[in-house]
């Protein structure tokens, strides 16, 4: 029962860590103006997620539950948990980025088409832009 609890906490930490590392990877790629995925960013993201989940699992197993901790076995199990979650998260994040992309550019950098879904998404927030405008006029 306690083992399931420790793996559940590790799974929760893995999901949060994958989401955060994918956000950082996206921002780094935008900062370096990379058009394609960079493999070193993926490797670093998986290693960061492994370190965070390994620490969470170690704390749960050793200090809270009080069981022994097998280093190599836990690394393998956590890596087998991380890889599918990271791959699915990466594909979901790439699909989200492609659907809500602001515009499509040509080879020379000129804007070809503005994305309608992005414009619709931005319209929703514009409703609240002048929310207090009536009270300010009085």
C-alpha atoms as a PDB file:
ATOM      1  CA  UNK A   1       0.000   0.000   0.000  1.00  0.00           C
ATOM      2  CA  UNK A   2       2.788   2.425   0.899  1.00  0.00           C
ATOM      3  CA  UNK A   3       4.669   1.565  -2.276  1.00  0.00           C
ATOM      4  CA  UNK A   4       1.640   2.491  -4.371  1.00  0.00           C
ATOM      5  CA  UNK A   5       1.383   5.784  -2.480  1.00  0.00           C
ATOM      6  CA  UNK A   6       5.035   6.620  -3.124  1.00  0.00           C
ATOM      7  CA  UNK A   7       4.701   5.831  -6.840  1.00  0.00           C
ATOM      8  CA  UNK A   8       1.509   7.881  -7.029  1.00  0.00           C
ATOM      9  CA  UNK A   9       3.305  10.879  -5.515  1.00  0.00           C
ATOM     10  CA  UNK A  10       6.174  10.305  -7.960  1.00  0.00           C
ATOM     11  CA  UNK A  11       3.714  10.189 -10.858  1.00  0.00           C
ATOM     12  CA  UNK A  12       2.166  13.463  -9.728  1.00  0.00           C
ATOM     13  CA  UNK A  13       5.616  15.073  -9.513  1.00  0.00           C
ATOM     14  CA  UNK A  14       6.542  13.675 -12.947  1.00  0.00           C
ATOM     15  CA  UNK A  15       3.478  15.166 -14.632  1.00  0.00           C
ATOM     16  CA  UNK A  16       4.079  18.600 -13.109  1.00  0.00           C
ATOM     17  CA  UNK A  17       7.796  18.479 -13.909  1.00  0.00           C
ATOM     18  CA  UNK A  18       7.195  17.452 -17.532  1.00  0.00           C
ATOM     19  CA  UNK A  19       4.740  20.314 -18.013  1.00  0.00           C
ATOM     20  CA  UNK A  20       7.120  22.876 -16.532  1.00  0.00           C
ATOM     21  CA  UNK A  21      10.174  21.623 -18.447  1.00  0.00           C
ATOM     22  CA  UNK A  22       8.250  21.656 -21.733  1.00  0.00           C
ATOM     23  CA  UNK A  23       7.251  25.265 -21.085  1.00  0.00           C
ATOM     24  CA  UNK A  24      10.888  26.183 -20.429  1.00  0.00           C
ATOM     25  CA  UNK A  25      11.987  24.296 -23.555  1.00  0.00           C
ATOM     26  CA  UNK A  26       9.494  26.230 -25.633  1.00  0.00           C
ATOM     27  CA  UNK A  27      10.712  29.552 -24.267  1.00  0.00           C
ATOM     28  CA  UNK A  28      14.371  28.613 -24.820  1.00  0.00           C
ATOM     29  CA  UNK A  29      13.647  27.625 -28.407  1.00  0.00           C
ATOM     30  CA  UNK A  30      11.894  30.949 -28.962  1.00  0.00           C
ATOM     31  CA  UNK A  31      14.806  32.787 -27.371  1.00  0.00           C
ATOM     32  CA  UNK A  32      17.348  31.033 -29.615  1.00  0.00           C
ATOM     33  CA  UNK A  33      14.938  31.297 -32.583  1.00  0.00           C
ATOM     34  CA  UNK A  34      15.069  27.623 -33.386  1.00  0.00           C
ATOM     35  CA  UNK A  35      12.477  26.343 -35.868  1.00  0.00           C
ATOM     36  CA  UNK A  36      13.001  22.649 -35.123  1.00  0.00           C
ATOM     37  CA  UNK A  37      13.217  20.668 -31.908  1.00  0.00           C
ATOM     38  CA  UNK A  38      16.601  20.531 -30.265  1.00  0.00           C
ATOM     39  CA  UNK A  39      17.605  17.135 -28.864  1.00  0.00           C
ATOM     40  CA  UNK A  40      19.782  18.536 -26.028  1.00  0.00           C
ATOM     41  CA  UNK A  41      16.746  20.331 -24.606  1.00  0.00           C
ATOM     42  CA  UNK A  42      14.815  17.056 -24.554  1.00  0.00           C
ATOM     43  CA  UNK A  43      17.681  15.224 -22.851  1.00  0.00           C
ATOM     44  CA  UNK A  44      18.001  17.942 -20.218  1.00  0.00           C
ATOM     45  CA  UNK A  45      14.243  17.931 -19.643  1.00  0.00           C
ATOM     46  CA  UNK A  46      14.168  14.165 -19.096  1.00  0.00           C
ATOM     47  CA  UNK A  47      17.156  14.357 -16.738  1.00  0.00           C
ATOM     48  CA  UNK A  48      15.601  17.205 -14.742  1.00  0.00           C
ATOM     49  CA  UNK A  49      12.327  15.293 -14.486  1.00  0.00           C
ATOM     50  CA  UNK A  50      14.223  12.171 -13.419  1.00  0.00           C
ATOM     51  CA  UNK A  51      16.101  14.049 -10.691  1.00  0.00           C
ATOM     52  CA  UNK A  52      12.953  15.665  -9.311  1.00  0.00           C
ATOM     53  CA  UNK A  53      10.915  12.457  -9.344  1.00  0.00           C
ATOM     54  CA  UNK A  54      13.812  10.462  -7.907  1.00  0.00           C
ATOM     55  CA  UNK A  55      14.136  12.922  -5.024  1.00  0.00           C
ATOM     56  CA  UNK A  56      10.386  12.835  -4.362  1.00  0.00           C
ATOM     57  CA  UNK A  57      10.348   9.043  -4.441  1.00  0.00           C
ATOM     58  CA  UNK A  58      13.399   8.798  -2.181  1.00  0.00           C
ATOM     59  CA  UNK A  59      11.881  11.152   0.385  1.00  0.00           C
ATOM     60  CA  UNK A  60       8.594   9.243   0.335  1.00  0.00           C
ATOM     61  CA  UNK A  61      10.277   5.837   0.612  1.00  0.00           C
ATOM     62  CA  UNK A  62      13.013   6.541   3.154  1.00  0.00           C
ATOM     63  CA  UNK A  63      11.734   9.293   5.417  1.00  0.00           C
ATOM     64  CA  UNK A  64       7.954   8.973   5.355  1.00  0.00           C
ATOM     65  CA  UNK A  65       7.357   5.255   4.795  1.00  0.00           C
ATOM     66  CA  UNK A  66      10.618   3.980   6.275  1.00  0.00           C
ATOM     67  CA  UNK A  67      11.412   1.282   3.699  1.00  0.00           C
ATOM     68  CA  UNK A  68      14.732   0.479   2.079  1.00  0.00           C
ATOM     69  CA  UNK A  69      15.626   2.202  -1.170  1.00  0.00           C
ATOM     70  CA  UNK A  70      17.124   0.287  -4.108  1.00  0.00           C
ATOM     71  CA  UNK A  71      18.912   2.881  -6.243  1.00  0.00           C
ATOM     72  CA  UNK A  72      19.208   1.178  -9.654  1.00  0.00           C
ATOM     73  CA  UNK A  73      15.762  -0.425  -9.569  1.00  0.00           C
ATOM     74  CA  UNK A  74      14.079   2.885  -8.727  1.00  0.00           C
ATOM     75  CA  UNK A  75      15.969   4.711 -11.490  1.00  0.00           C
ATOM     76  CA  UNK A  76      14.806   2.159 -14.054  1.00  0.00           C
ATOM     77  CA  UNK A  77      11.192   2.207 -12.851  1.00  0.00           C
ATOM     78  CA  UNK A  78      11.048   5.995 -12.759  1.00  0.00           C
ATOM     79  CA  UNK A  79      12.621   6.247 -16.204  1.00  0.00           C
ATOM     80  CA  UNK A  80      10.003   3.838 -17.549  1.00  0.00           C
ATOM     81  CA  UNK A  81       7.342   6.097 -16.021  1.00  0.00           C
ATOM     82  CA  UNK A  82       8.882   9.333 -17.306  1.00  0.00           C
ATOM     83  CA  UNK A  83       9.488   8.469 -20.967  1.00  0.00           C
ATOM     84  CA  UNK A  84       5.870   7.760 -22.028  1.00  0.00           C
ATOM     85  CA  UNK A  85       4.556  10.744 -20.085  1.00  0.00           C
ATOM     86  CA  UNK A  86       7.207  13.028 -21.586  1.00  0.00           C
ATOM     87  CA  UNK A  87       6.582  11.802 -25.131  1.00  0.00           C
ATOM     88  CA  UNK A  88       2.804  12.202 -24.823  1.00  0.00           C
ATOM     89  CA  UNK A  89       3.223  15.605 -23.204  1.00  0.00           C
ATOM     90  CA  UNK A  90       5.599  16.720 -25.944  1.00  0.00           C
ATOM     91  CA  UNK A  91       3.190  15.705 -28.719  1.00  0.00           C
ATOM     92  CA  UNK A  92       0.248  17.337 -26.939  1.00  0.00           C
ATOM     93  CA  UNK A  93       2.251  20.521 -26.407  1.00  0.00           C
ATOM     94  CA  UNK A  94       3.350  20.620 -30.068  1.00  0.00           C
ATOM     95  CA  UNK A  95      -0.240  20.115 -31.214  1.00  0.00           C
ATOM     96  CA  UNK A  96      -1.407  22.935 -28.933  1.00  0.00           C
ATOM     97  CA  UNK A  97       1.344  25.202 -30.264  1.00  0.00           C
ATOM     98  CA  UNK A  98       0.425  24.466 -33.890  1.00  0.00           C
ATOM     99  CA  UNK A  99      -3.297  25.040 -33.357  1.00  0.00           C
ATOM    100  CA  UNK A 100      -2.898  28.352 -31.530  1.00  0.00           C
ATOM    101  CA  UNK A 101       0.050  29.697 -33.539  1.00  0.00           C
ATOM    102  CA  UNK A 102      -0.345  33.424 -34.215  1.00  0.00           C
ATOM    103  CA  UNK A 103       0.650  33.249 -37.869  1.00  0.00           C
ATOM    104  CA  UNK A 104       2.410  31.173 -40.495  1.00  0.00           C
ATOM    105  CA  UNK A 105       5.623  32.523 -41.999  1.00  0.00           C
ATOM    106  CA  UNK A 106       7.286  31.913 -45.350  1.00  0.00           C
ATOM    107  CA  UNK A 107      10.937  31.025 -45.895  1.00  0.00           C
ATOM    108  CA  UNK A 108      11.909  34.697 -46.150  1.00  0.00           C
ATOM    109  CA  UNK A 109      10.193  35.563 -42.830  1.00  0.00           C
ATOM    110  CA  UNK A 110       7.101  37.288 -44.200  1.00  0.00           C
ATOM    111  CA  UNK A 111       3.713  36.582 -42.637  1.00  0.00           C
ATOM    112  CA  UNK A 112       1.515  34.478 -44.896  1.00  0.00           C
ATOM    113  CA  UNK A 113      -1.674  33.753 -42.940  1.00  0.00           C
ATOM    114  CA  UNK A 114      -3.036  34.886 -39.593  1.00  0.00           C
ATOM    115  CA  UNK A 115      -4.545  32.016 -37.621  1.00  0.00           C
ATOM    116  CA  UNK A 116      -8.302  32.336 -37.049  1.00  0.00           C
ATOM    117  CA  UNK A 117      -8.276  30.234 -33.861  1.00  0.00           C
ATOM    118  CA  UNK A 118      -5.668  32.525 -32.310  1.00  0.00           C
ATOM    119  CA  UNK A 119      -7.721  35.579 -33.178  1.00  0.00           C
ATOM    120  CA  UNK A 120     -10.870  34.023 -31.681  1.00  0.00           C
ATOM    121  CA  UNK A 121      -8.957  33.154 -28.521  1.00  0.00           C
ATOM    122  CA  UNK A 122      -7.785  36.762 -28.180  1.00  0.00           C
ATOM    123  CA  UNK A 123     -11.303  38.174 -28.722  1.00  0.00           C
ATOM    124  CA  UNK A 124     -12.565  36.525 -25.558  1.00  0.00           C
ATOM    125  CA  UNK A 125     -10.166  38.512 -23.387  1.00  0.00           C
ATOM    126  CA  UNK A 126     -11.005  41.765 -25.164  1.00  0.00           C
ATOM    127  CA  UNK A 127     -14.523  41.665 -23.646  1.00  0.00           C
ATOM    128  CA  UNK A 128     -13.074  42.522 -20.263  1.00  0.00           C
ATOM    129  CA  UNK A 129     -10.756  45.265 -21.475  1.00  0.00           C
ATOM    130  CA  UNK A 130     -13.346  48.026 -20.986  1.00  0.00           C
ATOM    131  CA  UNK A 131     -15.201  46.394 -18.092  1.00  0.00           C
ATOM    132  CA  UNK A 132     -14.991  49.424 -15.801  1.00  0.00           C
ATOM    133  CA  UNK A 133     -15.155  52.034 -18.560  1.00  0.00           C
ATOM    134  CA  UNK A 134     -18.735  53.023 -17.723  1.00  0.00           C
ATOM    135  CA  UNK A 135     -17.938  53.648 -14.068  1.00  0.00           C
ATOM    136  CA  UNK A 136     -14.854  55.706 -14.971  1.00  0.00           C
ATOM    137  CA  UNK A 137     -16.877  58.050 -17.189  1.00  0.00           C
ATOM    138  CA  UNK A 138     -19.186  59.123 -14.365  1.00  0.00           C
END
